[in-house]
Amino acid sequence: MISYRTDEDCSAFDSPDFTGGLIVKILVLSSQLEEKHIAQIRKTAEEVKADLYFYGSEKDIPEENKDAEVIYGFATETARTSRDLKWLCVPSAGVDYITKPDSFANPDAMLTNSAGAYGVTIAEHMIAVLLMMMRRITEFHKAALEGRWIAPMKQRSIKNSRITVLGTGDIGRQFAKRAAAFEPAVIRGVSRSGISKEDVFDEMYKVSDLDKLLPGTDVLAMSLPATAETENILNKERLALLPEGAYVVNVGRGSAVDEDALMEALESGHIAGAALDVFKTEPIPEGSRLWNTTNLLITPHVAGNLTLEVTKDRNVEMFCEDLKNYAAGKPLIHLVDRVRGY
């Protein structure tokens, strides 16, 4: 028996191909999936002969299904309390919220993420906000909303700019590919190893080289995970190393930026503009200085999310790919090291 349940209905049918074997109870938690994604997950569950249940969110899981072996979705409370859970696949790239020591009741539970599904959408966001700052779109748009026709202002171009990409995972690489079309002077990649999985950077460096790269950086694009090593990696001292008029874009985690130091650099004019999609505290509190900082472009953590069809497609593909591996007893491709945090 393979059961399919949603938060709207419950139905079951007998599979003519069911011959026994590995039986897994799988919960899928997402109200954002489309019918084609649901069908794809159902097909994979049938192939591995698993019981499959769909719910809108974690709070909708009934008591009788809290013993699920596999969950695809955001299930932090279930992970923290269920010793039956063997594998949690989260549909996000970042996992800092689920890698604390007490995040899993079952210490042997595996965690996979969806890093690799968000490169396209976040890279497009990075290009968009960078152009908005360099071409001063926010200022022109503000004047238009106020009914004012203003004179042309000095603008900047990605062409001939020196770009440093801090974090060369899927997001950093996808950004580099797109930025290259604008003919920058150079695109440098910076990572722990100094090695990129793809040949998309003109030059590659280790994080230990960062200080010597910053003085020659016009655009600093950051897409780092939240780890002890990355906390406040862009601090007051490093902001001072950037040349006057540099731009900062951060789409990784807010913990990577010293926000007070950045606000000071923006207010002084040393940094021409910063686009932040992530912050130390989210949502940003009412009355925060961030809201009124000069030349700070704020977006409410929307660079990623399951908002583009291509993102959802890849997200579900990755889960189904690893579900087949899990059922076959093979290593999971998208496994997260819960100690390292990525």
C-alpha atoms as a PDB file:
ATOM      1  CA  MET A   1       0.000   0.000   0.000  1.00  0.00           C
ATOM      2  CA  ILE A   2       1.342   3.412  -0.961  1.00  0.00           C
ATOM      3  CA  SER A   3      -0.576   6.253   0.634  1.00  0.00           C
ATOM      4  CA  TYR A   4      -0.727   9.813  -0.621  1.00  0.00           C
ATOM      5  CA  ARG A   5      -2.074  12.440   1.707  1.00  0.00           C
ATOM      6  CA  THR A   6      -2.314  16.173   1.450  1.00  0.00           C
ATOM      7  CA  ASP A   7      -3.570  18.779   3.871  1.00  0.00           C
ATOM      8  CA  GLU A   8      -6.770  18.822   1.803  1.00  0.00           C
ATOM      9  CA  ASP A   9      -7.537  15.157   1.328  1.00  0.00           C
ATOM     10  CA  CYS A  10      -6.424  11.622   2.017  1.00  0.00           C
ATOM     11  CA  SER A  11      -6.427   8.894  -0.606  1.00  0.00           C
ATOM     12  CA  ALA A  12      -4.738   5.534  -1.081  1.00  0.00           C
ATOM     13  CA  PHE A  13      -4.342   2.982  -3.789  1.00  0.00           C
ATOM     14  CA  ASP A  14      -2.745  -0.405  -4.271  1.00  0.00           C
ATOM     15  CA  SER A  15       0.317  -0.440  -6.474  1.00  0.00           C
ATOM     16  CA  PRO A  16       0.293  -3.403  -8.897  1.00  0.00           C
ATOM     17  CA  ASP A  17       4.108  -3.395  -8.804  1.00  0.00           C
ATOM     18  CA  PHE A  18       4.361  -3.484  -5.016  1.00  0.00           C
ATOM     19  CA  THR A  19       6.416  -6.505  -3.999  1.00  0.00           C
ATOM     20  CA  GLY A  20       7.547  -5.571  -0.523  1.00  0.00           C
ATOM     21  CA  GLY A  21      11.045  -4.532   0.452  1.00  0.00           C
ATOM     22  CA  LEU A  22      12.095  -1.260   2.000  1.00  0.00           C
ATOM     23  CA  ILE A  23       9.117   0.603   3.421  1.00  0.00           C
ATOM     24  CA  VAL A  24       9.721   4.219   4.375  1.00  0.00           C
ATOM     25  CA  LYS A  25       7.284   6.750   5.724  1.00  0.00           C
ATOM     26  CA  ILE A  26       7.942  10.050   3.965  1.00  0.00           C
ATOM     27  CA  LEU A  27       6.429  13.408   4.836  1.00  0.00           C
ATOM     28  CA  VAL A  28       6.536  16.292   2.360  1.00  0.00           C
ATOM     29  CA  LEU A  29       5.904  19.684   3.901  1.00  0.00           C
ATOM     30  CA  SER A  30       5.310  22.446   1.392  1.00  0.00           C
ATOM     31  CA  SER A  31       2.366  24.507   0.265  1.00  0.00           C
ATOM     32  CA  GLN A  32       4.490  26.023  -2.516  1.00  0.00           C
ATOM     33  CA  LEU A  33       4.893  22.963  -4.700  1.00  0.00           C
ATOM     34  CA  GLU A  34       3.003  22.748  -7.978  1.00  0.00           C
ATOM     35  CA  GLU A  35       1.098  19.713  -9.245  1.00  0.00           C
ATOM     36  CA  LYS A  36       3.991  18.601 -11.436  1.00  0.00           C
ATOM     37  CA  HIS A  37       6.315  18.573  -8.405  1.00  0.00           C
ATOM     38  CA  ILE A  38       3.831  16.603  -6.334  1.00  0.00           C
ATOM     39  CA  ALA A  39       3.494  14.120  -9.200  1.00  0.00           C
ATOM     40  CA  GLN A  40       7.275  13.794  -9.454  1.00  0.00           C
ATOM     41  CA  ILE A  41       7.639  13.065  -5.747  1.00  0.00           C
ATOM     42  CA  ARG A  42       4.760  10.582  -5.879  1.00  0.00           C
ATOM     43  CA  LYS A  43       6.374   8.747  -8.778  1.00  0.00           C
ATOM     44  CA  THR A  44       9.687   8.489  -6.931  1.00  0.00           C
ATOM     45  CA  ALA A  45       7.979   7.330  -3.722  1.00  0.00           C
ATOM     46  CA  GLU A  46       6.190   4.638  -5.699  1.00  0.00           C
ATOM     47  CA  GLU A  47       9.492   3.503  -7.206  1.00  0.00           C
ATOM     48  CA  VAL A  48      11.046   3.062  -3.767  1.00  0.00           C
ATOM     49  CA  LYS A  49       7.806   1.602  -2.360  1.00  0.00           C
ATOM     50  CA  ALA A  50       7.301   4.148   0.384  1.00  0.00           C
ATOM     51  CA  ASP A  51       4.338   5.548   2.260  1.00  0.00           C
ATOM     52  CA  LEU A  52       4.038   9.197   1.288  1.00  0.00           C
ATOM     53  CA  TYR A  53       2.076  11.972   2.995  1.00  0.00           C
ATOM     54  CA  PHE A  54       1.766  15.638   2.023  1.00  0.00           C
ATOM     55  CA  TYR A  55       1.082  18.397   4.550  1.00  0.00           C
ATOM     56  CA  GLY A  56       1.125  22.156   4.286  1.00  0.00           C
ATOM     57  CA  SER A  57       3.539  22.632   7.164  1.00  0.00           C
ATOM     58  CA  GLU A  58       5.002  20.938  10.226  1.00  0.00           C
ATOM     59  CA  LYS A  59       2.116  21.997  12.446  1.00  0.00           C
ATOM     60  CA  ASP A  60      -0.273  19.961  10.259  1.00  0.00           C
ATOM     61  CA  ILE A  61       1.437  16.620  10.934  1.00  0.00           C
ATOM     62  CA  PRO A  62      -0.944  14.341  12.895  1.00  0.00           C
ATOM     63  CA  GLU A  63       0.337  12.408  15.868  1.00  0.00           C
ATOM     64  CA  GLU A  64       0.296   9.085  14.007  1.00  0.00           C
ATOM     65  CA  ASN A  65       2.758  10.367  11.416  1.00  0.00           C
ATOM     66  CA  LYS A  66       5.282  12.017  13.704  1.00  0.00           C
ATOM     67  CA  ASP A  67       7.306   8.817  13.502  1.00  0.00           C
ATOM     68  CA  ALA A  68       8.270   9.489   9.873  1.00  0.00           C
ATOM     69  CA  GLU A  69      11.666   8.244   8.779  1.00  0.00           C
ATOM     70  CA  VAL A  70      12.146  10.870   6.048  1.00  0.00           C
ATOM     71  CA  ILE A  71      10.921  14.466   5.885  1.00  0.00           C
ATOM     72  CA  TYR A  72      11.284  16.897   3.003  1.00  0.00           C
ATOM     73  CA  GLY A  73      10.542  20.387   4.261  1.00  0.00           C
ATOM     74  CA  PHE A  74      11.094  22.654   7.244  1.00  0.00           C
ATOM     75  CA  ALA A  75      10.630  20.426  10.280  1.00  0.00           C
ATOM     76  CA  THR A  76      12.815  21.847  13.024  1.00  0.00           C
ATOM     77  CA  GLU A  77      10.549  20.832  15.907  1.00  0.00           C
ATOM     78  CA  THR A  78      10.078  17.298  14.614  1.00  0.00           C
ATOM     79  CA  ALA A  79      13.821  16.914  14.120  1.00  0.00           C
ATOM     80  CA  ARG A  80      14.413  18.115  17.668  1.00  0.00           C
ATOM     81  CA  THR A  81      11.919  15.699  19.229  1.00  0.00           C
ATOM     82  CA  SER A  82      11.714  12.597  17.003  1.00  0.00           C
ATOM     83  CA  ARG A  83      14.211   9.779  17.378  1.00  0.00           C
ATOM     84  CA  ASP A  84      12.512   8.025  14.447  1.00  0.00           C
ATOM     85  CA  LEU A  85      13.670  10.616  11.953  1.00  0.00           C
ATOM     86  CA  LYS A  86      16.622   9.291   9.943  1.00  0.00           C
ATOM     87  CA  TRP A  87      16.848  11.896   7.180  1.00  0.00           C
ATOM     88  CA  LEU A  88      15.702  15.495   6.949  1.00  0.00           C
ATOM     89  CA  CYS A  89      15.943  17.216   3.569  1.00  0.00           C
ATOM     90  CA  VAL A  90      15.433  20.956   3.897  1.00  0.00           C
ATOM     91  CA  PRO A  91      14.469  22.965   0.787  1.00  0.00           C
ATOM     92  CA  SER A  92      16.919  25.737   1.688  1.00  0.00           C
ATOM     93  CA  ALA A  93      20.599  26.250   0.965  1.00  0.00           C
ATOM     94  CA  GLY A  94      21.485  27.666   4.395  1.00  0.00           C
ATOM     95  CA  VAL A  95      21.228  25.287   7.348  1.00  0.00           C
ATOM     96  CA  ASP A  96      22.469  27.354  10.292  1.00  0.00           C
ATOM     97  CA  TYR A  97      19.019  27.139  11.897  1.00  0.00           C
ATOM     98  CA  ILE A  98      19.169  23.332  12.034  1.00  0.00           C
ATOM     99  CA  THR A  99      22.825  22.597  12.877  1.00  0.00           C
ATOM    100  CA  LYS A 100      22.894  23.500  16.566  1.00  0.00           C
ATOM    101  CA  PRO A 101      23.921  20.683  18.973  1.00  0.00           C
ATOM    102  CA  ASP A 102      20.324  20.035  20.070  1.00  0.00           C
ATOM    103  CA  SER A 103      18.759  20.235  16.591  1.00  0.00           C
ATOM    104  CA  PHE A 104      18.259  16.475  16.234  1.00  0.00           C
ATOM    105  CA  ALA A 105      16.868  14.007  18.771  1.00  0.00           C
ATOM    106  CA  ASN A 106      18.473  11.247  16.716  1.00  0.00           C
ATOM    107  CA  PRO A 107      22.214  12.030  16.691  1.00  0.00           C
ATOM    108  CA  ASP A 108      22.673   9.820  13.630  1.00  0.00           C
ATOM    109  CA  ALA A 109      19.999  11.560  11.546  1.00  0.00           C
ATOM    110  CA  MET A 110      21.232  12.781   8.184  1.00  0.00           C
ATOM    111  CA  LEU A 111      20.674  16.312   6.946  1.00  0.00           C
ATOM    112  CA  THR A 112      20.664  17.340   3.305  1.00  0.00           C
ATOM    113  CA  ASN A 113      20.032  20.795   1.908  1.00  0.00           C
ATOM    114  CA  SER A 114      19.181  22.293  -1.449  1.00  0.00           C
ATOM    115  CA  ALA A 115      22.396  24.138  -2.161  1.00  0.00           C
ATOM    116  CA  GLY A 116      22.610  24.115  -5.927  1.00  0.00           C
ATOM    117  CA  ALA A 117      18.953  24.959  -6.476  1.00  0.00           C
ATOM    118  CA  TYR A 118      19.213  28.666  -5.721  1.00  0.00           C
ATOM    119  CA  GLY A 119      22.162  29.798  -7.837  1.00  0.00           C
ATOM    120  CA  VAL A 120      20.089  31.134 -10.719  1.00  0.00           C
ATOM    121  CA  THR A 121      17.553  33.114  -8.715  1.00  0.00           C
ATOM    122  CA  ILE A 122      20.060  34.590  -6.265  1.00  0.00           C
ATOM    123  CA  ALA A 123      22.597  35.429  -8.976  1.00  0.00           C
ATOM    124  CA  GLU A 124      19.901  37.313 -10.902  1.00  0.00           C
ATOM    125  CA  HIS A 125      19.036  39.201  -7.727  1.00  0.00           C
ATOM    126  CA  MET A 126      22.687  40.130  -7.222  1.00  0.00           C
ATOM    127  CA  ILE A 127      22.986  41.505 -10.753  1.00  0.00           C
ATOM    128  CA  ALA A 128      19.708  43.389 -10.320  1.00  0.00           C
ATOM    129  CA  VAL A 129      20.657  45.159  -7.085  1.00  0.00           C
ATOM    130  CA  LEU A 130      24.175  45.888  -8.302  1.00  0.00           C
ATOM    131  CA  LEU A 131      22.806  47.607 -11.393  1.00  0.00           C
ATOM    132  CA  MET A 132      20.253  49.466  -9.288  1.00  0.00           C
ATOM    133  CA  MET A 133      23.045  50.925  -7.168  1.00  0.00           C
ATOM    134  CA  MET A 134      25.499  51.668  -9.954  1.00  0.00           C
ATOM    135  CA  ARG A 135      22.855  53.196 -12.228  1.00  0.00           C
ATOM    136  CA  ARG A 136      21.179  54.943  -9.255  1.00  0.00           C
ATOM    137  CA  ILE A 137      17.799  53.467 -10.076  1.00  0.00           C
ATOM    138  CA  THR A 138      16.562  53.775  -6.493  1.00  0.00           C
ATOM    139  CA  GLU A 139      17.115  57.548  -6.549  1.00  0.00           C
ATOM    140  CA  PHE A 140      15.402  58.016  -9.905  1.00  0.00           C
ATOM    141  CA  HIS A 141      12.504  55.820  -8.803  1.00  0.00           C
ATOM    142  CA  LYS A 142      12.091  57.694  -5.525  1.00  0.00           C
ATOM    143  CA  ALA A 143      11.918  60.997  -7.408  1.00  0.00           C
ATOM    144  CA  ALA A 144       9.353  59.526  -9.803  1.00  0.00           C
ATOM    145  CA  LEU A 145       7.150  58.387  -6.908  1.00  0.00           C
ATOM    146  CA  GLU A 146       7.299  61.949  -5.593  1.00  0.00           C
ATOM    147  CA  GLY A 147       6.353  63.338  -8.996  1.00  0.00           C
ATOM    148  CA  ARG A 148       9.758  64.924  -9.607  1.00  0.00           C
ATOM    149  CA  TRP A 149      11.709  64.978 -12.874  1.00  0.00           C
ATOM    150  CA  ILE A 150      15.366  65.153 -11.864  1.00  0.00           C
ATOM    151  CA  ALA A 151      18.576  65.834 -13.762  1.00  0.00           C
ATOM    152  CA  PRO A 152      20.965  63.042 -14.803  1.00  0.00           C
ATOM    153  CA  MET A 153      23.470  61.962 -12.151  1.00  0.00           C
ATOM    154  CA  LYS A 154      26.913  60.417 -12.412  1.00  0.00           C
ATOM    155  CA  GLN A 155      26.640  56.664 -12.762  1.00  0.00           C
ATOM    156  CA  ARG A 156      28.961  53.656 -12.680  1.00  0.00           C
ATOM    157  CA  SER A 157      29.297  50.525 -14.807  1.00  0.00           C
ATOM    158  CA  ILE A 158      30.042  46.877 -14.162  1.00  0.00           C
ATOM    159  CA  LYS A 159      32.231  47.072 -17.267  1.00  0.00           C
ATOM    160  CA  ASN A 160      35.886  47.430 -16.233  1.00  0.00           C
ATOM    161  CA  SER A 161      34.992  46.977 -12.545  1.00  0.00           C
ATOM    162  CA  ARG A 162      37.131  44.736 -10.366  1.00  0.00           C
ATOM    163  CA  ILE A 163      34.854  42.137  -8.781  1.00  0.00           C
ATOM    164  CA  THR A 164      35.706  39.928  -5.812  1.00  0.00           C
ATOM    165  CA  VAL A 165      33.311  37.062  -5.083  1.00  0.00           C
ATOM    166  CA  LEU A 166      33.583  35.910  -1.472  1.00  0.00           C
ATOM    167  CA  GLY A 167      32.086  32.442  -1.429  1.00  0.00           C
ATOM    168  CA  THR A 168      32.428  30.360  -4.597  1.00  0.00           C
ATOM    169  CA  GLY A 169      29.660  27.818  -4.141  1.00  0.00           C
ATOM    170  CA  ASP A 170      26.813  27.515  -6.615  1.00  0.00           C
ATOM    171  CA  ILE A 171      25.553  31.056  -5.913  1.00  0.00           C
ATOM    172  CA  GLY A 172      28.968  32.671  -6.291  1.00  0.00           C
ATOM    173  CA  ARG A 173      29.672  30.744  -9.485  1.00  0.00           C
ATOM    174  CA  GLN A 174      26.305  31.565 -11.036  1.00  0.00           C
ATOM    175  CA  PHE A 175      26.862  35.243 -10.231  1.00  0.00           C
ATOM    176  CA  ALA A 176      30.328  35.150 -11.794  1.00  0.00           C
ATOM    177  CA  LYS A 177      28.940  33.636 -14.996  1.00  0.00           C
ATOM    178  CA  ARG A 178      26.389  36.417 -15.346  1.00  0.00           C
ATOM    179  CA  ALA A 179      28.679  39.223 -14.272  1.00  0.00           C
ATOM    180  CA  ALA A 180      31.209  38.156 -16.920  1.00  0.00           C
ATOM    181  CA  ALA A 181      28.760  39.207 -19.645  1.00  0.00           C
ATOM    182  CA  PHE A 182      29.147  42.826 -18.493  1.00  0.00           C
ATOM    183  CA  GLU A 183      32.895  42.747 -19.252  1.00  0.00           C
ATOM    184  CA  PRO A 184      34.409  43.552 -15.852  1.00  0.00           C
ATOM    185  CA  ALA A 185      38.163  44.042 -15.597  1.00  0.00           C
ATOM    186  CA  VAL A 186      38.495  40.910 -13.477  1.00  0.00           C
ATOM    187  CA  ILE A 187      36.389  38.491 -11.435  1.00  0.00           C
ATOM    188  CA  ARG A 188      38.256  36.984  -8.506  1.00  0.00           C
ATOM    189  CA  GLY A 189      36.908  34.086  -6.475  1.00  0.00           C
ATOM    190  CA  VAL A 190      37.716  33.625  -2.787  1.00  0.00           C
ATOM    191  CA  SER A 191      37.099  30.385  -0.903  1.00  0.00           C
ATOM    192  CA  ARG A 192      38.563  28.332   1.935  1.00  0.00           C
ATOM    193  CA  SER A 193      40.459  26.088  -0.462  1.00  0.00           C
ATOM    194  CA  GLY A 194      41.247  28.613  -3.159  1.00  0.00           C
ATOM    195  CA  ILE A 195      39.738  26.172  -5.657  1.00  0.00           C
ATOM    196  CA  SER A 196      36.490  26.469  -7.634  1.00  0.00           C
ATOM    197  CA  LYS A 197      34.420  23.568  -8.961  1.00  0.00           C
ATOM    198  CA  GLU A 198      34.020  25.424 -12.248  1.00  0.00           C
ATOM    199  CA  ASP A 199      36.383  27.536 -14.311  1.00  0.00           C
ATOM    200  CA  VAL A 200      34.287  30.700 -14.076  1.00  0.00           C
ATOM    201  CA  PHE A 201      36.708  33.013 -12.244  1.00  0.00           C
ATOM    202  CA  ASP A 202      39.653  34.831 -13.761  1.00  0.00           C
ATOM    203  CA  GLU A 203      41.630  34.245 -10.576  1.00  0.00           C
ATOM    204  CA  MET A 204      41.130  32.154  -7.428  1.00  0.00           C
ATOM    205  CA  TYR A 205      42.385  32.899  -3.913  1.00  0.00           C
ATOM    206  CA  LYS A 206      42.087  31.558  -0.389  1.00  0.00           C
ATOM    207  CA  VAL A 207      40.268  33.473   2.346  1.00  0.00           C
ATOM    208  CA  SER A 208      43.672  34.160   3.890  1.00  0.00           C
ATOM    209  CA  ASP A 209      44.399  36.349   0.822  1.00  0.00           C
ATOM    210  CA  LEU A 210      41.295  38.494   1.288  1.00  0.00           C
ATOM    211  CA  ASP A 211      42.993  41.508   2.887  1.00  0.00           C
ATOM    212  CA  LYS A 212      45.385  41.947  -0.017  1.00  0.00           C
ATOM    213  CA  LEU A 213      42.526  41.689  -2.542  1.00  0.00           C
ATOM    214  CA  LEU A 214      40.171  44.256  -0.990  1.00  0.00           C
ATOM    215  CA  PRO A 215      42.132  47.404  -1.985  1.00  0.00           C
ATOM    216  CA  GLY A 216      41.685  46.318  -5.626  1.00  0.00           C
ATOM    217  CA  THR A 217      37.983  45.533  -5.321  1.00  0.00           C
ATOM    218  CA  ASP A 218      35.233  47.743  -6.748  1.00  0.00           C
ATOM    219  CA  VAL A 219      32.455  45.217  -6.095  1.00  0.00           C
ATOM    220  CA  LEU A 220      32.504  42.778  -3.179  1.00  0.00           C
ATOM    221  CA  ALA A 221      29.862  40.073  -3.721  1.00  0.00           C
ATOM    222  CA  MET A 222      29.289  37.870  -0.658  1.00  0.00           C
ATOM    223  CA  SER A 223      27.511  34.504  -0.607  1.00  0.00           C
ATOM    224  CA  LEU A 224      28.851  32.780   2.503  1.00  0.00           C
ATOM    225  CA  PRO A 225      27.203  30.286   4.873  1.00  0.00           C
ATOM    226  CA  ALA A 226      26.854  31.115   8.559  1.00  0.00           C
ATOM    227  CA  THR A 227      29.785  29.522  10.399  1.00  0.00           C
ATOM    228  CA  ALA A 228      32.150  30.574  13.161  1.00  0.00           C
ATOM    229  CA  GLU A 229      34.760  31.317  10.478  1.00  0.00           C
ATOM    230  CA  THR A 230      32.507  33.655   8.489  1.00  0.00           C
ATOM    231  CA  GLU A 231      31.035  35.671  11.377  1.00  0.00           C
ATOM    232  CA  ASN A 232      31.834  39.366  10.853  1.00  0.00           C
ATOM    233  CA  ILE A 233      34.293  38.483   8.107  1.00  0.00           C
ATOM    234  CA  LEU A 234      33.510  41.906   6.655  1.00  0.00           C
ATOM    235  CA  ASN A 235      34.439  44.041   9.643  1.00  0.00           C
ATOM    236  CA  LYS A 236      35.489  47.655  10.143  1.00  0.00           C
ATOM    237  CA  GLU A 237      39.102  46.984   9.232  1.00  0.00           C
ATOM    238  CA  ARG A 238      38.235  45.201   6.000  1.00  0.00           C
ATOM    239  CA  LEU A 239      35.692  47.839   4.997  1.00  0.00           C
ATOM    240  CA  ALA A 240      38.489  50.388   5.349  1.00  0.00           C
ATOM    241  CA  LEU A 241      40.648  48.315   2.986  1.00  0.00           C
ATOM    242  CA  LEU A 242      38.083  48.635   0.202  1.00  0.00           C
ATOM    243  CA  PRO A 243      38.731  51.613  -2.091  1.00  0.00           C
ATOM    244  CA  GLU A 244      36.527  54.672  -1.754  1.00  0.00           C
ATOM    245  CA  GLY A 245      33.396  54.210  -3.843  1.00  0.00           C
ATOM    246  CA  ALA A 246      33.282  50.409  -3.632  1.00  0.00           C
ATOM    247  CA  TYR A 247      30.002  48.455  -3.535  1.00  0.00           C
ATOM    248  CA  VAL A 248      29.005  45.550  -1.282  1.00  0.00           C
ATOM    249  CA  VAL A 249      26.358  42.925  -2.034  1.00  0.00           C
ATOM    250  CA  ASN A 250      25.521  40.282   0.593  1.00  0.00           C
ATOM    251  CA  VAL A 251      23.108  37.424  -0.097  1.00  0.00           C
ATOM    252  CA  GLY A 252      24.666  34.727   2.127  1.00  0.00           C
ATOM    253  CA  ARG A 253      24.037  35.272   5.813  1.00  0.00           C
ATOM    254  CA  GLY A 254      23.746  38.473   7.799  1.00  0.00           C
ATOM    255  CA  SER A 255      26.242  37.222  10.366  1.00  0.00           C
ATOM    256  CA  ALA A 256      29.053  37.753   7.838  1.00  0.00           C
ATOM    257  CA  VAL A 257      28.811  41.561   7.998  1.00  0.00           C
ATOM    258  CA  ASP A 258      29.499  43.952  10.863  1.00  0.00           C
ATOM    259  CA  GLU A 259      26.376  46.016  10.271  1.00  0.00           C
ATOM    260  CA  ASP A 260      27.407  48.944  12.478  1.00  0.00           C
ATOM    261  CA  ALA A 261      30.725  49.258  10.658  1.00  0.00           C
ATOM    262  CA  LEU A 262      29.018  49.042   7.281  1.00  0.00           C
ATOM    263  CA  MET A 263      26.503  51.742   8.194  1.00  0.00           C
ATOM    264  CA  GLU A 264      29.352  54.031   9.254  1.00  0.00           C
ATOM    265  CA  ALA A 265      31.188  53.376   5.977  1.00  0.00           C
ATOM    266  CA  LEU A 266      28.043  54.164   3.998  1.00  0.00           C
ATOM    267  CA  GLU A 267      27.247  57.322   5.942  1.00  0.00           C
ATOM    268  CA  SER A 268      30.816  58.588   5.514  1.00  0.00           C
ATOM    269  CA  GLY A 269      30.669  57.949   1.773  1.00  0.00           C
ATOM    270  CA  HIS A 270      33.623  55.573   1.821  1.00  0.00           C
ATOM    271  CA  ILE A 271      31.331  52.797   0.543  1.00  0.00           C
ATOM    272  CA  ALA A 272      29.231  54.041  -2.392  1.00  0.00           C
ATOM    273  CA  GLY A 273      26.442  51.555  -1.840  1.00  0.00           C
ATOM    274  CA  ALA A 274      25.513  48.265  -0.207  1.00  0.00           C
ATOM    275  CA  ALA A 275      22.721  45.843  -1.071  1.00  0.00           C
ATOM    276  CA  LEU A 276      21.813  43.503   1.778  1.00  0.00           C
ATOM    277  CA  ASP A 277      19.269  40.712   1.504  1.00  0.00           C
ATOM    278  CA  VAL A 278      20.248  39.121   4.827  1.00  0.00           C
ATOM    279  CA  PHE A 279      20.661  40.588   8.307  1.00  0.00           C
ATOM    280  CA  LYS A 280      21.739  39.616  11.797  1.00  0.00           C
ATOM    281  CA  THR A 281      18.162  40.069  13.013  1.00  0.00           C
ATOM    282  CA  GLU A 282      15.288  39.250  10.679  1.00  0.00           C
ATOM    283  CA  PRO A 283      12.899  40.930  10.254  1.00  0.00           C
ATOM    284  CA  ILE A 284      14.836  44.148  10.838  1.00  0.00           C
ATOM    285  CA  PRO A 285      13.331  45.724  13.988  1.00  0.00           C
ATOM    286  CA  GLU A 286      11.198  48.822  13.669  1.00  0.00           C
ATOM    287  CA  GLY A 287      13.320  51.862  14.445  1.00  0.00           C
ATOM    288  CA  SER A 288      16.581  50.157  13.441  1.00  0.00           C
ATOM    289  CA  ARG A 289      19.230  52.489  12.086  1.00  0.00           C
ATOM    290  CA  LEU A 290      19.455  50.237   9.040  1.00  0.00           C
ATOM    291  CA  TRP A 291      16.165  51.571   7.668  1.00  0.00           C
ATOM    292  CA  ASN A 292      17.559  55.080   7.308  1.00  0.00           C
ATOM    293  CA  THR A 293      21.165  54.421   6.340  1.00  0.00           C
ATOM    294  CA  THR A 294      22.345  56.352   3.290  1.00  0.00           C
ATOM    295  CA  ASN A 295      22.827  54.306   0.104  1.00  0.00           C
ATOM    296  CA  LEU A 296      21.733  51.043   1.701  1.00  0.00           C
ATOM    297  CA  LEU A 297      19.462  48.938  -0.508  1.00  0.00           C
ATOM    298  CA  ILE A 298      17.423  46.567   1.663  1.00  0.00           C
ATOM    299  CA  THR A 299      15.501  43.527   0.451  1.00  0.00           C
ATOM    300  CA  PRO A 300      13.717  41.258   2.996  1.00  0.00           C
ATOM    301  CA  HIS A 301      15.595  37.973   2.434  1.00  0.00           C
ATOM    302  CA  VAL A 302      13.908  37.378  -0.922  1.00  0.00           C
ATOM    303  CA  ALA A 303      16.868  36.680  -3.206  1.00  0.00           C
ATOM    304  CA  GLY A 304      16.211  32.960  -2.884  1.00  0.00           C
ATOM    305  CA  ASN A 305      13.066  31.212  -1.667  1.00  0.00           C
ATOM    306  CA  LEU A 306      10.829  28.929  -3.703  1.00  0.00           C
ATOM    307  CA  THR A 307       9.546  31.775  -5.843  1.00  0.00           C
ATOM    308  CA  LEU A 308      10.941  30.846  -9.273  1.00  0.00           C
ATOM    309  CA  GLU A 309       9.739  27.747 -11.090  1.00  0.00           C
ATOM    310  CA  VAL A 310      13.310  26.804 -12.017  1.00  0.00           C
ATOM    311  CA  THR A 311      14.216  26.863  -8.304  1.00  0.00           C
ATOM    312  CA  LYS A 312      11.341  24.582  -7.359  1.00  0.00           C
ATOM    313  CA  ASP A 313      12.129  22.248 -10.252  1.00  0.00           C
ATOM    314  CA  ARG A 314      15.734  21.768  -9.169  1.00  0.00           C
ATOM    315  CA  ASN A 315      14.820  21.580  -5.486  1.00  0.00           C
ATOM    316  CA  VAL A 316      12.451  18.672  -6.060  1.00  0.00           C
ATOM    317  CA  GLU A 317      14.866  16.985  -8.468  1.00  0.00           C
ATOM    318  CA  MET A 318      17.561  17.005  -5.789  1.00  0.00           C
ATOM    319  CA  PHE A 319      15.252  15.486  -3.181  1.00  0.00           C
ATOM    320  CA  CYS A 320      14.032  12.757  -5.534  1.00  0.00           C
ATOM    321  CA  GLU A 321      17.600  12.011  -6.572  1.00  0.00           C
ATOM    322  CA  ASP A 322      18.660  11.459  -2.983  1.00  0.00           C
ATOM    323  CA  LEU A 323      15.462   9.593  -2.111  1.00  0.00           C
ATOM    324  CA  LYS A 324      16.454   6.944  -4.650  1.00  0.00           C
ATOM    325  CA  ASN A 325      19.944   6.864  -3.139  1.00  0.00           C
ATOM    326  CA  TYR A 326      18.511   6.548   0.376  1.00  0.00           C
ATOM    327  CA  ALA A 327      16.231   3.677  -0.597  1.00  0.00           C
ATOM    328  CA  ALA A 328      19.141   1.912  -2.314  1.00  0.00           C
ATOM    329  CA  GLY A 329      21.427   2.371   0.669  1.00  0.00           C
ATOM    330  CA  LYS A 330      23.747   4.645  -1.297  1.00  0.00           C
ATOM    331  CA  PRO A 331      25.424   7.834   0.019  1.00  0.00           C
ATOM    332  CA  LEU A 332      23.306  10.975  -0.209  1.00  0.00           C
ATOM    333  CA  ILE A 333      24.694  13.451  -2.730  1.00  0.00           C
ATOM    334  CA  HIS A 334      23.592  16.601  -0.938  1.00  0.00           C
ATOM    335  CA  LEU A 335      24.602  15.600   2.582  1.00  0.00           C
ATOM    336  CA  VAL A 336      25.449  18.406   5.012  1.00  0.00           C
ATOM    337  CA  ASP A 337      28.259  18.163   7.530  1.00  0.00           C
ATOM    338  CA  ARG A 338      26.356  19.247  10.639  1.00  0.00           C
ATOM    339  CA  VAL A 339      29.591  20.147  12.433  1.00  0.00           C
ATOM    340  CA  ARG A 340      30.970  22.375   9.664  1.00  0.00           C
ATOM    341  CA  GLY A 341      27.517  23.807   8.962  1.00  0.00           C
ATOM    342  CA  TYR A 342      27.423  23.220   5.194  1.00  0.00           C
END
